[in-house]
N, C-alpha and C. Protein backbone atom coordinates (compact mmCIF):
# COMPACT_ATOMS: atom_id res chain seq x y z
N UNK A 1 -53.48 32.64 69.29
CA UNK A 1 -53.14 34.04 69.84
C UNK A 1 -52.87 34.36 71.38
N UNK A 2 -53.53 33.89 72.39
CA UNK A 2 -53.35 34.36 73.55
C UNK A 2 -52.06 34.11 74.31
N UNK A 3 -51.26 33.23 74.01
CA UNK A 3 -49.85 33.21 74.68
C UNK A 3 -49.18 34.42 73.62
N UNK A 4 -49.24 34.79 72.50
CA UNK A 4 -48.71 35.93 72.21
C UNK A 4 -49.30 37.31 72.48
N UNK A 5 -50.54 37.14 72.64
CA UNK A 5 -51.11 38.72 73.58
C UNK A 5 -50.40 38.64 74.75
N UNK A 6 -50.22 37.68 75.54
CA UNK A 6 -49.56 37.81 76.88
C UNK A 6 -48.64 38.50 76.69
N UNK A 7 -47.59 38.04 75.98
CA UNK A 7 -46.38 38.04 75.93
C UNK A 7 -46.40 39.39 75.09
N UNK A 8 -46.73 40.12 74.40
CA UNK A 8 -46.93 41.33 73.32
C UNK A 8 -47.47 42.44 74.15
N UNK A 9 -48.48 42.23 74.80
CA UNK A 9 -48.97 43.43 75.46
C UNK A 9 -48.55 44.35 76.50
N UNK A 10 -47.48 43.82 77.61
CA UNK A 10 -46.78 44.19 78.38
C UNK A 10 -45.95 45.28 77.81
N UNK A 11 -45.37 44.60 76.45
CA UNK A 11 -44.37 45.78 75.67
C UNK A 11 -44.54 47.02 75.82
N UNK A 12 -45.87 47.36 75.49
CA UNK A 12 -46.56 48.63 75.56
C UNK A 12 -46.21 49.33 74.17
N UNK A 13 -46.39 48.59 73.35
CA UNK A 13 -45.95 49.01 71.68
C UNK A 13 -47.22 50.17 71.14
N UNK A 14 -46.65 50.78 70.40
CA UNK A 14 -47.57 51.89 69.55
C UNK A 14 -48.70 50.82 69.08
N UNK A 15 -50.02 51.54 69.07
CA UNK A 15 -51.13 50.66 68.55
C UNK A 15 -50.98 50.25 67.12
N UNK A 16 -50.67 51.02 66.20
CA UNK A 16 -50.17 50.49 64.67
C UNK A 16 -48.96 49.75 64.68
N UNK A 17 -47.87 49.52 65.49
CA UNK A 17 -46.44 48.91 65.69
C UNK A 17 -47.48 47.54 66.00
N UNK A 18 -48.38 47.55 67.22
CA UNK A 18 -48.71 46.51 67.97
C UNK A 18 -49.90 45.64 66.72
N UNK A 19 -50.73 46.36 66.10
CA UNK A 19 -51.53 45.85 64.95
C UNK A 19 -50.29 45.07 63.97
N UNK A 20 -49.92 46.16 63.36
CA UNK A 20 -48.86 45.55 62.34
C UNK A 20 -48.15 44.13 62.58
N UNK A 21 -47.44 44.05 63.64
CA UNK A 21 -46.78 43.25 64.13
C UNK A 21 -47.56 41.95 64.18
N UNK A 22 -48.40 41.92 64.64
CA UNK A 22 -49.16 40.99 64.75
C UNK A 22 -50.09 40.35 63.59
N UNK A 23 -50.48 41.65 62.75
CA UNK A 23 -50.85 40.82 61.49
C UNK A 23 -49.70 40.30 60.67
N UNK A 24 -48.17 40.73 60.68
CA UNK A 24 -47.29 40.18 59.91
C UNK A 24 -47.03 38.82 60.51
N UNK A 25 -46.98 38.73 62.05
CA UNK A 25 -46.74 37.25 62.36
C UNK A 25 -47.59 36.28 62.18
N UNK A 26 -49.00 36.57 62.35
CA UNK A 26 -49.97 35.64 61.90
C UNK A 26 -50.22 35.36 60.53
N UNK A 27 -49.67 36.36 59.61
CA UNK A 27 -49.73 35.96 57.88
C UNK A 27 -48.55 34.99 58.21
N UNK A 28 -47.80 35.13 58.37
CA UNK A 28 -46.41 34.51 58.18
C UNK A 28 -46.55 32.83 58.98
N UNK A 29 -47.16 32.92 60.13
CA UNK A 29 -47.57 31.61 60.52
C UNK A 29 -48.43 30.91 59.67
N UNK A 30 -49.41 31.53 59.19
CA UNK A 30 -50.54 30.83 58.07
C UNK A 30 -49.73 30.76 56.87
N UNK A 31 -49.12 31.30 56.67
CA UNK A 31 -48.17 31.04 55.00
C UNK A 31 -47.31 29.53 55.46
N UNK A 32 -46.63 29.30 56.80
CA UNK A 32 -45.94 28.05 56.61
C UNK A 32 -46.84 26.98 57.03
N UNK A 33 -48.00 27.15 57.54
CA UNK A 33 -49.07 26.16 57.44
C UNK A 33 -49.20 25.63 56.43
N UNK A 34 -49.18 26.45 55.06
CA UNK A 34 -49.33 25.92 53.92
C UNK A 34 -48.75 24.40 53.61
N UNK A 35 -47.55 24.40 53.76
CA UNK A 35 -46.68 23.24 53.47
C UNK A 35 -47.38 21.80 54.04
N UNK A 36 -47.51 22.09 55.56
CA UNK A 36 -48.00 20.80 55.62
C UNK A 36 -49.29 20.39 55.18
N UNK A 37 -50.08 21.52 54.98
CA UNK A 37 -51.52 20.97 54.54
C UNK A 37 -51.68 20.60 53.21
N UNK A 38 -50.60 21.24 52.01
CA UNK A 38 -50.11 20.77 51.11
C UNK A 38 -49.79 19.36 51.07
N UNK A 39 -48.96 19.07 51.83
CA UNK A 39 -48.19 17.51 52.20
C UNK A 39 -49.52 16.53 52.44
N UNK A 40 -50.16 17.04 53.23
CA UNK A 40 -51.34 16.17 53.97
C UNK A 40 -52.79 16.15 52.70
N UNK A 41 -52.77 17.01 51.59
CA UNK A 41 -53.34 17.19 50.58
C UNK A 41 -54.71 17.62 50.96
N UNK A 42 -54.56 18.68 52.03
CA UNK A 42 -55.57 19.24 52.03
C UNK A 42 -56.00 20.85 51.45
N UNK A 43 -54.85 20.92 50.38
CA UNK A 43 -55.29 22.11 49.46
C UNK A 43 -55.88 21.60 48.09
N UNK A 44 -57.21 21.04 48.24
CA UNK A 44 -57.95 20.58 46.86
C UNK A 44 -58.42 21.97 46.81
N UNK A 45 -59.03 21.60 45.02
CA UNK A 45 -59.38 22.49 44.33
C UNK A 45 -60.64 23.30 45.25
N UNK A 46 -61.39 22.52 45.68
CA UNK A 46 -62.72 22.73 46.44
C UNK A 46 -62.33 24.09 47.71
N UNK A 47 -61.10 23.61 48.47
CA UNK A 47 -60.87 24.19 49.44
C UNK A 47 -60.13 25.69 48.74
N UNK A 48 -59.51 25.42 48.02
CA UNK A 48 -58.77 27.18 47.13
C UNK A 48 -60.04 27.52 46.79
N UNK A 49 -61.18 27.10 46.30
CA UNK A 49 -62.54 27.84 45.58
C UNK A 49 -62.85 28.60 47.03
N UNK A 50 -63.08 28.11 47.79
CA UNK A 50 -63.56 28.86 49.07
C UNK A 50 -62.71 29.67 49.61
N UNK A 51 -61.44 29.59 49.69
CA UNK A 51 -60.40 30.79 49.95
C UNK A 51 -60.34 31.52 49.48
N UNK A 52 -60.66 31.41 47.94
CA UNK A 52 -60.58 32.53 47.10
C UNK A 52 -61.84 33.57 47.20
N UNK A 53 -62.96 32.78 47.36
CA UNK A 53 -64.24 33.11 47.67
C UNK A 53 -64.05 34.49 49.11
N UNK A 54 -63.42 33.73 50.27
CA UNK A 54 -63.51 34.23 51.65
C UNK A 54 -62.22 35.55 51.36
N UNK A 55 -61.63 35.25 50.55
CA UNK A 55 -60.47 36.34 50.14
C UNK A 55 -61.17 37.90 49.97
N UNK A 56 -62.48 37.80 49.63
CA UNK A 56 -63.23 39.05 49.51
C UNK A 56 -63.34 39.85 50.84
N UNK A 57 -64.23 39.33 51.29
CA UNK A 57 -64.58 39.69 52.96
C UNK A 57 -63.51 40.00 53.66
N UNK A 58 -62.21 39.14 53.55
CA UNK A 58 -61.11 39.17 54.51
C UNK A 58 -60.32 40.39 54.09
N UNK A 59 -60.41 40.59 52.91
CA UNK A 59 -59.53 41.57 52.36
C UNK A 59 -60.25 43.31 52.96
N UNK A 60 -61.50 43.04 52.96
CA UNK A 60 -62.60 44.39 53.13
C UNK A 60 -62.27 44.54 54.89
N UNK A 61 -62.46 43.52 55.34
CA UNK A 61 -62.24 43.09 57.22
C UNK A 61 -60.74 43.71 57.55
N UNK A 62 -59.75 43.72 56.65
CA UNK A 62 -58.38 44.36 57.10
C UNK A 62 -58.48 45.83 56.80
N UNK A 63 -59.38 46.27 55.39
CA UNK A 63 -59.25 47.54 55.34
C UNK A 63 -60.20 48.31 56.63
N UNK A 64 -61.08 47.53 56.99
CA UNK A 64 -61.72 48.34 58.16
C UNK A 64 -61.04 47.95 59.29
N UNK A 65 -60.41 47.00 59.82
CA UNK A 65 -59.18 46.96 60.79
C UNK A 65 -58.16 47.86 60.85
N UNK A 66 -57.50 48.41 59.66
CA UNK A 66 -56.63 49.46 59.61
C UNK A 66 -57.59 50.94 60.07
N UNK A 67 -58.72 50.87 59.30
CA UNK A 67 -59.61 52.39 59.84
C UNK A 67 -59.51 52.39 61.38
N UNK A 68 -60.08 51.17 62.04
CA UNK A 68 -60.45 51.23 63.40
C UNK A 68 -59.56 51.50 64.17
N UNK A 69 -58.34 51.14 63.59
CA UNK A 69 -56.96 51.06 64.74
C UNK A 69 -56.38 52.50 64.82
N UNK A 70 -56.81 53.28 63.39
CA UNK A 70 -56.04 54.65 63.34
C UNK A 70 -57.31 55.31 64.01
N UNK A 71 -58.59 55.20 64.21
CA UNK A 71 -59.29 56.22 65.06
C UNK A 71 -59.86 56.13 66.13
N UNK A 72 -59.42 54.86 66.94
CA UNK A 72 -59.43 54.47 68.40
C UNK A 72 -58.69 54.74 68.61
N UNK A 73 -58.92 55.73 70.29
CA UNK A 73 -57.85 56.37 70.93
C UNK A 73 -56.98 54.93 71.48
N UNK A 74 -55.67 55.05 71.91
CA UNK A 74 -55.05 54.11 72.53
C UNK A 74 -55.58 53.26 73.34
N UNK A 75 -55.92 54.09 74.04
CA UNK A 75 -56.47 53.41 75.49
C UNK A 75 -57.73 52.58 75.11
N UNK A 76 -58.57 53.17 74.61
CA UNK A 76 -59.73 52.09 74.57
C UNK A 76 -59.19 50.90 73.19
N UNK A 77 -58.50 51.21 72.34
CA UNK A 77 -57.58 49.98 71.68
C UNK A 77 -57.17 48.94 72.42
N UNK A 78 -56.40 49.31 73.33
CA UNK A 78 -55.85 48.36 74.20
C UNK A 78 -56.93 47.75 75.02
N UNK A 79 -57.69 48.43 75.68
CA UNK A 79 -58.66 47.87 76.39
C UNK A 79 -59.56 46.88 75.65
N UNK A 80 -60.12 47.26 74.55
CA UNK A 80 -60.86 46.28 73.68
C UNK A 80 -59.99 44.80 73.40
N UNK A 81 -58.89 44.99 73.47
CA UNK A 81 -57.76 43.81 73.19
C UNK A 81 -57.68 42.85 74.41
N UNK A 82 -57.63 43.54 75.53
CA UNK A 82 -57.50 42.96 76.61
C UNK A 82 -59.12 42.36 77.06
N UNK A 83 -60.07 42.62 76.58
CA UNK A 83 -61.39 42.10 76.78
C UNK A 83 -61.53 41.20 75.84
N UNK A 84 -61.23 41.29 74.62
CA UNK A 84 -61.12 40.22 73.67
C UNK A 84 -60.09 39.06 74.05
N UNK A 85 -58.90 39.43 74.87
CA UNK A 85 -58.36 38.56 75.03
C UNK A 85 -58.92 37.73 76.32
N UNK A 86 -59.48 38.25 77.11
CA UNK A 86 -60.43 37.46 78.29
C UNK A 86 -61.00 36.78 77.55
N UNK A 87 -62.20 37.44 76.84
CA UNK A 87 -63.14 36.47 76.13
C UNK A 87 -62.62 35.02 75.51
N UNK A 88 -61.85 35.37 74.49
CA UNK A 88 -61.14 34.10 73.94
C UNK A 88 -60.25 33.08 74.95
N UNK A 89 -59.71 33.70 75.93
CA UNK A 89 -58.83 32.61 76.97
C UNK A 89 -60.47 31.73 77.49
N UNK A 90 -61.16 32.85 77.68
CA UNK A 90 -62.36 31.73 78.77
C UNK A 90 -63.10 31.06 77.76
N UNK A 91 -63.17 31.24 76.36
CA UNK A 91 -63.86 30.12 75.67
C UNK A 91 -63.18 29.15 75.06
N UNK A 92 -61.73 28.91 75.17
CA UNK A 92 -60.77 28.10 75.44
C UNK A 92 -60.74 27.11 76.67
N UNK A 93 -60.61 28.08 77.51
CA UNK A 93 -60.80 27.32 78.77
C UNK A 93 -62.13 26.21 78.81
N UNK A 94 -63.25 26.79 78.67
CA UNK A 94 -64.86 26.37 78.31
C UNK A 94 -64.55 25.15 77.60
N UNK A 95 -64.00 25.37 76.21
CA UNK A 95 -63.71 23.98 75.56
C UNK A 95 -62.99 23.18 75.95
N UNK A 96 -62.03 23.44 76.63
CA UNK A 96 -60.92 22.32 77.13
C UNK A 96 -62.01 21.57 78.42
N UNK A 97 -62.69 22.01 79.11
CA UNK A 97 -63.63 21.61 80.44
C UNK A 97 -64.48 20.71 79.83
N UNK A 98 -65.19 21.21 78.65
CA UNK A 98 -65.94 20.15 78.05
C UNK A 98 -65.87 19.15 77.33
N UNK A 99 -64.29 19.00 76.83
CA UNK A 99 -63.83 18.05 75.95
C UNK A 99 -63.27 17.00 76.90
N UNK A 100 -63.13 17.30 78.29
CA UNK A 100 -63.12 16.19 79.11
C UNK A 100 -61.59 16.15 79.62
């Protein structure tokens, strides 16, 4: 996420275009990752069962996200994205420092 966000944020896309583009891109990336997961034998029946159960709250989160993007003012939306980017980046740096 963070490298993508750093690239896309300065483009100043409409918030719906930004959210939609981000969603489609990461859905595509995750779909592509299925091939190596399958090749490595990671797509077991147990993993697929967990994925099916988690699809329910994930679907609800998608609808909540669409609603949130629609109701948030554009300025507040982008402020939240930037703060989230800062928090995620700090967490990644912290994890890297602890790993040695």
